[in-house]
Protein backbone atom coordinates (compact mmCIF):
# COMPACT_ATOMS: atom_id res chain seq x y z
CA UNK A 1 0.16 -7.38 1.80
CA UNK A 2 -0.59 -9.46 -1.79
CA UNK A 3 1.18 -12.90 -1.72
CA UNK A 4 -0.17 -14.14 -4.81
CA UNK A 5 -2.56 -16.59 -3.26
CA UNK A 6 -6.01 -16.85 -4.31
CA UNK A 7 -7.48 -18.58 -0.90
CA UNK A 8 -10.82 -16.23 -0.15
CA UNK A 9 -10.35 -15.43 3.69
CA UNK A 10 -13.24 -14.32 5.70
CA UNK A 11 -13.82 -10.69 6.70
CA UNK A 12 -12.16 -10.30 10.48
CA UNK A 13 -15.16 -10.02 12.81
CA UNK A 14 -15.04 -6.95 14.60
CA UNK A 15 -12.30 -7.27 17.62
CA UNK A 16 -10.75 -10.37 16.66
CA UNK A 17 -7.87 -10.11 17.47
CA UNK A 18 -8.06 -8.83 21.21
CA UNK A 19 -6.50 -11.38 22.61
CA UNK A 20 -2.73 -10.24 21.27
CA UNK A 21 -3.67 -7.24 18.92
CA UNK A 22 -0.65 -4.59 20.33
CA UNK A 23 1.02 -6.99 22.50
CA UNK A 24 4.72 -5.83 23.29
CA UNK A 25 6.97 -8.95 23.73
CA UNK A 26 10.25 -7.88 25.29
CA UNK A 27 14.11 -8.26 24.64
CA UNK A 28 15.54 -10.44 27.12
CA UNK A 29 18.89 -10.72 26.20
CA UNK A 30 19.24 -14.03 28.88
CA UNK A 31 17.06 -16.30 25.72
CA UNK A 32 19.32 -18.59 24.36
CA UNK A 33 19.08 -18.88 21.22
CA UNK A 34 16.27 -20.65 19.23
CA UNK A 35 16.58 -24.62 18.88
CA UNK A 36 14.77 -25.00 15.94
CA UNK A 37 15.76 -26.61 13.17
CA UNK A 38 15.92 -24.60 9.64
CA UNK A 39 12.78 -25.35 7.22
CA UNK A 40 15.04 -28.21 4.92
CA UNK A 41 13.62 -28.23 1.60
CA UNK A 42 12.51 -31.38 -0.14
CA UNK A 43 13.38 -32.76 -3.26
CA UNK A 44 12.70 -34.61 -5.91
CA UNK A 45 14.80 -37.62 -6.59
CA UNK A 46 16.48 -36.26 -9.91
CA UNK A 47 17.90 -39.50 -10.84
CA UNK A 48 14.23 -40.67 -10.63
CA UNK A 49 12.65 -37.78 -12.51
CA UNK A 50 15.10 -38.04 -15.03
CA UNK A 51 14.69 -41.62 -16.29
CA UNK A 52 11.15 -41.39 -15.80
CA UNK A 53 10.53 -38.30 -17.77
CA UNK A 54 13.38 -36.71 -19.35
CA UNK A 55 12.82 -33.85 -21.13
CA UNK A 56 9.73 -33.87 -22.08
CA UNK A 57 8.99 -32.64 -18.21
CA UNK A 58 11.86 -30.18 -18.42
CA UNK A 59 9.61 -27.18 -17.33
CA UNK A 60 8.06 -29.49 -14.01
CA UNK A 61 11.71 -29.68 -13.38
CA UNK A 62 12.52 -26.06 -13.77
CA UNK A 63 9.33 -24.94 -11.10
CA UNK A 64 11.23 -27.19 -8.42
CA UNK A 65 14.09 -26.16 -8.83
CA UNK A 66 12.08 -22.29 -7.92
CA UNK A 67 10.53 -23.88 -5.05
CA UNK A 68 13.78 -25.30 -4.34
CA UNK A 69 15.38 -21.77 -3.88
CA UNK A 70 12.00 -20.41 -2.32
CA UNK A 71 12.19 -22.98 0.39
CA UNK A 72 15.86 -22.44 0.82
CA UNK A 73 14.67 -18.28 1.34
CA UNK A 74 12.28 -19.57 3.46
CA UNK A 75 14.62 -21.75 5.84
CA UNK A 76 17.42 -19.15 5.55
CA UNK A 77 15.20 -15.40 7.05
CA UNK A 78 13.56 -18.42 9.50
CA UNK A 79 16.99 -18.58 10.97
CA UNK A 80 17.48 -15.21 11.45
CA UNK A 81 14.29 -14.58 13.18
CA UNK A 82 14.16 -14.03 16.86
CA UNK A 83 13.04 -18.01 18.40
CA UNK A 84 9.87 -16.44 20.51
CA UNK A 85 8.68 -15.43 17.27
CA UNK A 86 8.93 -18.96 15.32
CA UNK A 87 7.58 -19.98 18.38
CA UNK A 88 4.13 -18.63 18.14
CA UNK A 89 4.53 -18.62 14.00
CA UNK A 90 5.23 -20.36 11.22
CA UNK A 91 7.39 -18.75 8.26
CA UNK A 92 6.28 -19.90 4.92
CA UNK A 93 7.13 -17.30 2.45
CA UNK A 94 9.63 -14.37 1.51
CA UNK A 95 7.35 -11.30 -0.04
CA UNK A 96 8.94 -8.42 0.40
CA UNK A 97 12.57 -6.84 0.64
CA UNK A 98 13.62 -3.30 1.95
CA UNK A 99 16.39 -1.49 2.58
CA UNK A 100 16.84 -2.46 6.28
CA UNK A 101 13.28 -4.93 5.99
CA UNK A 102 12.60 -7.83 5.22
CA UNK A 103 8.43 -9.23 4.68
CA UNK A 104 7.40 -12.86 5.10
CA UNK A 105 3.98 -14.26 5.33
CA UNK A 106 3.60 -16.88 8.32
CA UNK A 107 0.97 -18.43 9.14
CA UNK A 108 -0.56 -18.66 13.22
CA UNK A 109 0.47 -22.32 15.02
CA UNK A 110 -2.46 -22.35 16.91
CA UNK A 111 -5.29 -20.90 15.32
CA UNK A 112 -3.89 -21.30 11.41
CA UNK A 113 -4.31 -17.47 10.69
CA UNK A 114 -2.36 -16.16 7.41
CA UNK A 115 -0.08 -13.29 8.75
CA UNK A 116 2.72 -10.83 7.61
CA UNK A 117 5.54 -9.99 9.38
CA UNK A 118 7.76 -7.14 8.91
CA UNK A 119 10.97 -7.49 10.38
CA UNK A 120 13.30 -4.09 10.67
CA UNK A 121 16.86 -4.20 11.55
CA UNK A 122 16.83 -0.83 13.69
CA UNK A 123 20.66 -0.69 13.52
CA UNK A 124 21.10 2.23 11.36
CA UNK A 125 19.15 5.55 12.64
CA UNK A 126 16.78 5.20 9.16
CA UNK A 127 15.60 2.00 10.74
CA UNK A 128 14.82 2.77 13.77
CA UNK A 129 13.35 6.19 12.41
CA UNK A 130 10.77 4.66 10.79
CA UNK A 131 9.76 2.26 12.73
CA UNK A 132 9.06 4.03 15.76
CA UNK A 133 6.70 6.50 13.02
CA UNK A 134 4.74 3.30 11.92
CA UNK A 135 4.41 1.93 15.66
CA UNK A 136 3.45 5.18 16.86
CA UNK A 137 0.71 5.16 13.91
CA UNK A 138 -0.27 1.51 13.68
CA UNK A 139 -0.79 1.24 17.29
CA UNK A 140 -2.98 4.11 18.08
CA UNK A 141 -5.71 2.59 15.18
CA UNK A 142 -8.37 -0.32 14.49
CA UNK A 143 -10.83 -0.02 11.84
CA UNK A 144 -12.15 -2.11 9.24
CA UNK A 145 -10.58 -0.11 6.24
CA UNK A 146 -7.08 0.26 8.34
CA UNK A 147 -4.08 -2.54 7.82
CA UNK A 148 -4.44 -3.26 11.61
CA UNK A 149 -0.85 -4.37 13.00
CA UNK A 150 -1.36 -7.64 15.72
CA UNK A 151 1.24 -7.27 17.69
CA UNK A 152 4.59 -6.63 18.38
CA UNK A 153 8.46 -7.93 19.43
CA UNK A 154 11.06 -6.24 19.83
CA UNK A 155 15.09 -7.82 19.98
CA UNK A 156 18.17 -5.94 20.57
CA UNK A 157 18.58 -5.12 16.85
CA UNK A 158 15.70 -5.89 15.69
CA UNK A 159 11.40 -5.73 15.62
CA UNK A 160 8.96 -7.51 14.35
CA UNK A 161 5.65 -6.11 13.60
CA UNK A 162 3.06 -8.86 12.88
CA UNK A 163 0.22 -7.26 10.32
CA UNK A 164 -3.06 -8.17 8.40
CA UNK A 165 -2.40 -10.56 5.61
CA UNK A 166 -4.54 -8.75 2.31
CA UNK A 167 -4.47 -10.93 0.14
CA UNK A 168 -6.72 -9.34 -2.56
CA UNK A 169 -3.62 -7.46 -4.42
CA UNK A 170 -3.89 -4.15 -5.66
CA UNK A 171 -6.91 -1.74 -6.40
CA UNK A 172 -6.00 -1.14 -10.41
CA UNK A 173 -4.75 -4.66 -11.04
CA UNK A 174 -8.33 -5.22 -9.82
CA UNK A 175 -10.16 -3.22 -11.94
CA UNK A 176 -8.57 -4.83 -15.27
CA UNK A 177 -9.15 -8.20 -14.88
CA UNK A 178 -12.72 -7.28 -13.89
CA UNK A 179 -14.14 -6.57 -17.00
CA UNK A 180 -16.33 -4.08 -15.79
CA UNK A 181 -16.54 -0.86 -13.61
CA UNK A 182 -19.34 2.22 -13.64
CA UNK A 183 -19.28 5.31 -11.20
CA UNK A 184 -20.98 3.29 -8.89
CA UNK A 185 -18.09 0.44 -8.62
CA UNK A 186 -15.99 4.00 -8.14
CA UNK A 187 -18.24 5.66 -5.30
CA UNK A 188 -17.70 1.94 -3.54
CA UNK A 189 -14.04 1.81 -3.91
CA UNK A 190 -14.26 5.77 -2.32
CA UNK A 191 -16.54 5.35 -0.07
CA UNK A 192 -13.87 3.10 2.09
CA UNK A 193 -10.92 4.98 1.55
CA UNK A 194 -12.30 7.91 3.13
CA UNK A 195 -14.46 6.14 6.01
CA UNK A 196 -10.14 5.15 6.49
CA UNK A 197 -9.03 8.26 6.10
CA UNK A 198 -12.15 10.13 8.05
CA UNK A 199 -10.66 7.86 10.67
CA UNK A 200 -7.29 8.83 10.60
CA UNK A 201 -8.13 12.38 10.19
CA UNK A 202 -10.13 12.37 13.66
CA UNK A 203 -7.38 11.07 15.30
CA UNK A 204 -4.82 13.56 14.33
CA UNK A 205 -3.31 11.25 11.78
CA UNK A 206 -1.96 12.47 8.13
CA UNK A 207 -1.08 9.57 5.99
CA UNK A 208 0.88 11.30 3.50
CA UNK A 209 1.56 9.21 1.20
CA UNK A 210 -2.17 7.61 -0.44
CA UNK A 211 -2.11 6.84 -3.90
CA UNK A 212 -3.20 3.56 -5.25
CA UNK A 213 -0.56 1.05 -4.20
CA UNK A 214 -1.25 1.79 -1.00
CA UNK A 215 -4.95 0.58 -1.35
CA UNK A 216 -5.14 -3.50 -0.96
CA UNK A 217 -8.28 -5.58 -1.33
CA UNK A 218 -8.25 -8.18 1.97
CA UNK A 219 -8.62 -11.05 0.05
CA UNK A 220 -9.64 -11.97 -3.91
CA UNK A 221 -13.51 -12.22 -3.23
CA UNK A 222 -15.99 -9.64 -4.85
CA UNK A 223 -17.39 -8.78 -1.41
CA UNK A 224 -13.69 -7.52 -0.66
CA UNK A 225 -13.36 -4.44 1.77
CA UNK A 226 -9.84 -2.54 0.93
CA UNK A 227 -7.22 -1.17 3.50
CA UNK A 228 -5.52 1.95 3.65
CA UNK A 229 -1.81 0.38 4.19
CA UNK A 230 1.77 1.60 4.28
CA UNK A 231 2.62 4.05 6.87
CA UNK A 232 6.07 4.42 6.88
CA UNK A 233 5.27 8.54 6.02
CA UNK A 234 2.33 9.08 8.42
CA UNK A 235 2.51 11.38 11.15
CA UNK A 236 0.83 11.59 14.37
CA UNK A 237 -0.80 15.11 15.91
CA UNK A 238 -2.96 16.73 17.89
CA UNK A 239 -6.71 15.66 16.77
CA UNK A 240 -8.27 18.19 14.44
CA UNK A 241 -6.92 20.08 11.34
CA UNK A 242 -5.69 22.54 13.48
CA UNK A 243 -1.84 21.79 13.73
CA UNK A 244 0.72 21.49 10.64
CA UNK A 245 3.41 19.60 9.49
CA UNK A 246 6.10 21.07 7.30
CA UNK A 247 8.55 17.22 6.14
CA UNK A 248 8.87 17.79 2.37
CA UNK A 249 7.56 14.27 1.32
CA UNK A 250 5.64 12.05 -0.85
CA UNK A 251 4.90 10.78 -4.66
CA UNK A 252 5.39 13.29 -6.73
CA UNK A 253 2.59 12.86 -8.93
CA UNK A 254 -0.46 12.80 -5.63
CA UNK A 255 1.80 15.66 -3.37
CA UNK A 256 -0.19 18.67 -2.63
CA UNK A 257 0.64 22.30 -3.49
CA UNK A 258 1.17 23.32 -0.58
CA UNK A 259 3.52 20.88 0.71
CA UNK A 260 5.97 21.76 -3.47
CA UNK A 261 5.84 25.82 -1.64
CA UNK A 262 7.13 24.06 1.49
CA UNK A 263 4.48 26.07 3.44
CA UNK A 264 3.50 24.96 6.74
CA UNK A 265 0.95 22.28 5.91
CA UNK A 266 -2.26 20.13 7.63
CA UNK A 267 -4.36 16.86 6.57
CA UNK A 268 -5.51 18.19 3.79
CA UNK A 269 -2.68 17.10 1.76
CA UNK A 270 -4.52 13.94 2.31
CA UNK A 271 -7.49 15.11 0.48
CA UNK A 272 -5.66 16.11 -2.72
CA UNK A 273 -4.10 13.41 -2.92
CA UNK A 274 -7.31 11.26 -2.83
CA UNK A 275 -9.07 13.63 -5.25
CA UNK A 276 -5.84 12.45 -7.60
CA UNK A 277 -6.97 9.17 -7.36
CA UNK A 278 -10.54 9.85 -7.41
CA UNK A 279 -9.72 11.42 -11.52
CA UNK A 280 -7.55 8.01 -11.83
CA UNK A 281 -10.13 5.66 -10.58
CA UNK A 282 -12.49 7.34 -13.40
CA UNK A 283 -10.35 7.55 -16.40
CA UNK A 284 -7.02 4.88 -15.78
CA UNK A 285 -5.16 8.55 -16.65
CA UNK A 286 -3.35 10.83 -13.92
CA UNK A 287 -4.51 14.50 -13.78
CA UNK A 288 -0.89 15.63 -13.22
CA UNK A 289 1.80 14.07 -15.71
CA UNK A 290 4.76 14.57 -17.08
CA UNK A 291 8.10 13.64 -17.01
CA UNK A 292 10.29 16.71 -16.51
CA UNK A 293 10.07 17.42 -12.51
CA UNK A 294 10.07 20.73 -12.35
CA UNK A 295 7.21 21.14 -14.87
CA UNK A 296 4.73 18.28 -13.23
CA UNK A 297 5.46 20.52 -9.83
CA UNK A 298 4.35 23.46 -12.02
CA UNK A 299 0.96 21.94 -13.29
CA UNK A 300 -0.02 20.70 -10.25
CA UNK A 301 0.49 24.09 -8.77
CA UNK A 302 -1.64 25.97 -11.07
CA UNK A 303 -4.03 23.15 -10.44
CA UNK A 304 -3.78 22.86 -14.30
CA UNK A 305 -5.47 19.41 -15.12
CA UNK A 306 -8.60 19.20 -17.82
CA UNK A 307 -11.22 16.48 -19.02
CA UNK A 308 -10.77 15.65 -22.31
CA UNK A 309 -10.39 12.27 -23.89
CA UNK A 310 -12.21 9.24 -22.55
CA UNK A 311 -14.38 8.81 -21.20
CA UNK A 312 -14.89 11.45 -19.61
CA UNK A 313 -17.53 12.59 -22.23
CA UNK A 314 -19.96 10.30 -20.36
CA UNK A 315 -18.69 10.40 -16.35
CA UNK A 316 -21.35 12.97 -14.58
CA UNK A 317 -20.55 16.21 -13.68
CA UNK A 318 -21.35 15.16 -10.44
CA UNK A 319 -18.35 13.03 -10.11
CA UNK A 320 -16.35 16.02 -12.01
CA UNK A 321 -17.46 18.33 -9.06
CA UNK A 322 -16.89 15.53 -6.85
CA UNK A 323 -12.83 15.58 -8.03
CA UNK A 324 -13.05 19.63 -8.16
CA UNK A 325 -13.33 20.22 -5.12
CA UNK A 326 -10.64 17.54 -3.87
CA UNK A 327 -8.02 19.11 -6.12
CA UNK A 328 -8.31 22.42 -5.22
CA UNK A 329 -4.95 24.81 -4.67
CA UNK A 330 -6.28 26.60 -1.89
CA UNK A 331 -6.36 24.00 1.09
CA UNK A 332 -8.75 26.01 3.13
CA UNK A 333 -11.49 25.55 0.65
CA UNK A 334 -10.65 22.07 -0.40
CA UNK A 335 -13.29 19.53 0.54
CA UNK A 336 -12.63 17.24 4.41
CA UNK A 337 -13.10 13.79 4.75
CA UNK A 338 -16.29 14.66 6.12
CA UNK A 339 -17.18 16.78 3.56
CA UNK A 340 -16.29 14.43 1.09
CA UNK A 341 -17.13 11.45 2.55
CA UNK A 342 -21.28 13.23 2.53
CA UNK A 343 -20.90 14.48 -1.14
CA UNK A 344 -24.18 13.83 -3.40
CA UNK A 345 -22.10 11.66 -5.80
CA UNK A 346 -20.88 9.18 -2.82
CA UNK A 347 -23.31 9.74 -0.55
CA UNK A 348 -26.03 8.79 -3.82
CA UNK A 349 -23.67 5.93 -4.65
CA UNK A 350 -24.14 7.67 -7.90
CA UNK A 351 -27.68 7.20 -8.37
CA UNK A 352 -27.78 9.44 -10.47
CA UNK A 353 -25.01 8.94 -13.13
CA UNK A 354 -24.60 7.27 -16.40
CA UNK A 355 -24.52 3.19 -16.10
CA UNK A 356 -21.59 3.54 -18.79
CA UNK A 357 -19.26 0.41 -18.60
CA UNK A 358 -15.67 2.65 -18.23
CA UNK A 359 -13.42 -0.53 -17.91
CA UNK A 360 -11.99 -0.31 -21.54
CA UNK A 361 -11.38 3.39 -21.32
CA UNK A 362 -9.82 2.91 -17.70
CA UNK A 363 -7.60 -0.28 -18.87
CA UNK A 364 -6.19 0.94 -21.78
CA UNK A 365 -5.10 4.61 -20.10
CA UNK A 366 -3.91 1.91 -17.47
CA UNK A 367 -1.60 0.13 -19.39
CA UNK A 368 -0.50 2.67 -21.64
CA UNK A 369 1.01 4.39 -18.93
CA UNK A 370 2.46 1.43 -17.35
CA UNK A 371 3.92 0.66 -20.95
CA UNK A 372 5.40 4.04 -21.13
CA UNK A 373 6.94 3.96 -17.26
CA UNK A 374 8.67 0.90 -18.38
CA UNK A 375 12.77 0.74 -18.94
CA UNK A 376 12.47 -0.52 -21.96
CA UNK A 377 10.69 2.62 -23.00
CA UNK A 378 11.85 5.35 -24.80
CA UNK A 379 12.21 7.63 -21.92
CA UNK A 380 12.56 5.04 -19.37
CA UNK A 381 15.24 5.68 -16.85
CA UNK A 382 14.05 8.86 -16.61
CA UNK A 383 10.17 7.91 -16.31
CA UNK A 384 12.06 5.17 -13.59
CA UNK A 385 13.63 8.36 -11.43
CA UNK A 386 10.20 10.44 -11.61
CA UNK A 387 7.86 7.56 -10.88
CA UNK A 388 7.33 5.51 -8.18
CA UNK A 389 7.95 1.90 -8.42
CA UNK A 390 4.69 -0.30 -8.59
CA UNK A 391 5.41 -2.91 -4.98
CA UNK A 392 3.44 -5.34 -4.65
CA UNK A 393 4.32 -5.52 -1.07
CA UNK A 394 2.77 -3.06 1.89
CA UNK A 395 4.74 -1.17 3.86
CA UNK A 396 8.06 -0.87 1.60
CA UNK A 397 8.90 3.10 2.14
CA UNK A 398 12.22 3.38 3.68
CA UNK A 399 14.10 4.69 1.02
CA UNK A 400 12.74 7.91 -0.50
CA UNK A 401 13.40 7.36 -4.52
CA UNK A 402 10.02 8.34 -4.96
CA UNK A 403 9.79 11.34 -2.93
CA UNK A 404 10.50 14.66 -3.56
CA UNK A 405 15.01 15.65 -4.06
CA UNK A 406 14.68 18.44 -1.83
CA UNK A 407 16.98 18.65 1.50
CA UNK A 408 13.95 17.43 4.24
CA UNK A 409 12.96 20.63 6.20
CA UNK A 410 11.82 18.28 9.13
CA UNK A 411 9.25 19.32 11.96
CA UNK A 412 10.76 20.00 15.11
């Protein structure tokens, strides 16, 4: 979960959190209210500030006020947290919010290890359903490329999920900042993602909302791993690919044709989404992009995309073959995670591909998309309704603003 810090965290060793992974602290109505006092913001003496610095340091004064406001928010949310949570974790900052959840950055009091805690209000039916769905998945997984659930606290009307904290930022933010990006770099990214997805599918878990915003770097270092995050729409079922789902859900540009057709579908929908991600990763543009939702779905149903424009003339045929085998409208003909991981382009780490730097074309296309989808653009409002907001925080998928506008057909 991005928190804006520049601190480089080391890679977590295997079973690092064995002492309290999957710990569940249940509600006890005999517990009294927490005795901890809210955090008190530390303020500068304003009189001394103005006397010594005057208007020349107005910016510093405004920044101090912003810090004071941030400390007030921390104090506010700490006061709302269960005292069992604050006894173990020191709340540092509010870093995300949803319709019935709050995400804070915390520090374990004993180990000083940073984590993120998602507090979900479970009074509402929607909150309970999202929480149960996410917990059912996260309690089953333990993989170096999957966001890790550390422990869970339960109270009468809230659930506190302690999670790994990813501080390295989103995938495409890193690409833009890097300055150089080749096909070999793309295969490194995709191999980590495929590693995580293959693990999920082996457990019978389908993510159902794979997209670049849900792929986060663990730390800002160049050797950081990538974490698959946001399991609000994930579905857990039988191992293998022989069980089906029917809920209409997902983010429009990444939705597989069979979901649009409302057919029973399998974990092959994740592989379609990975095809879309791969296309964007190599070009910075979308394979299926249309402001009108109906026309967008028609393009997806036809599998209509092209390799026209920069940087596609310099992209290898093997890379295009990898994408084509994922963006197959027939889910039975689509590559599985195992086959994709073993595809020659991935397995060879693009050894026979061009070493041309794709960064300029990718960055220009990404910036163009960001500009065209901004609220200030001519079609800003329609774009805003048809695209998912680029959330800086993981797990914020309670509201399905960016899902299909159908009446959902739920699994039985």
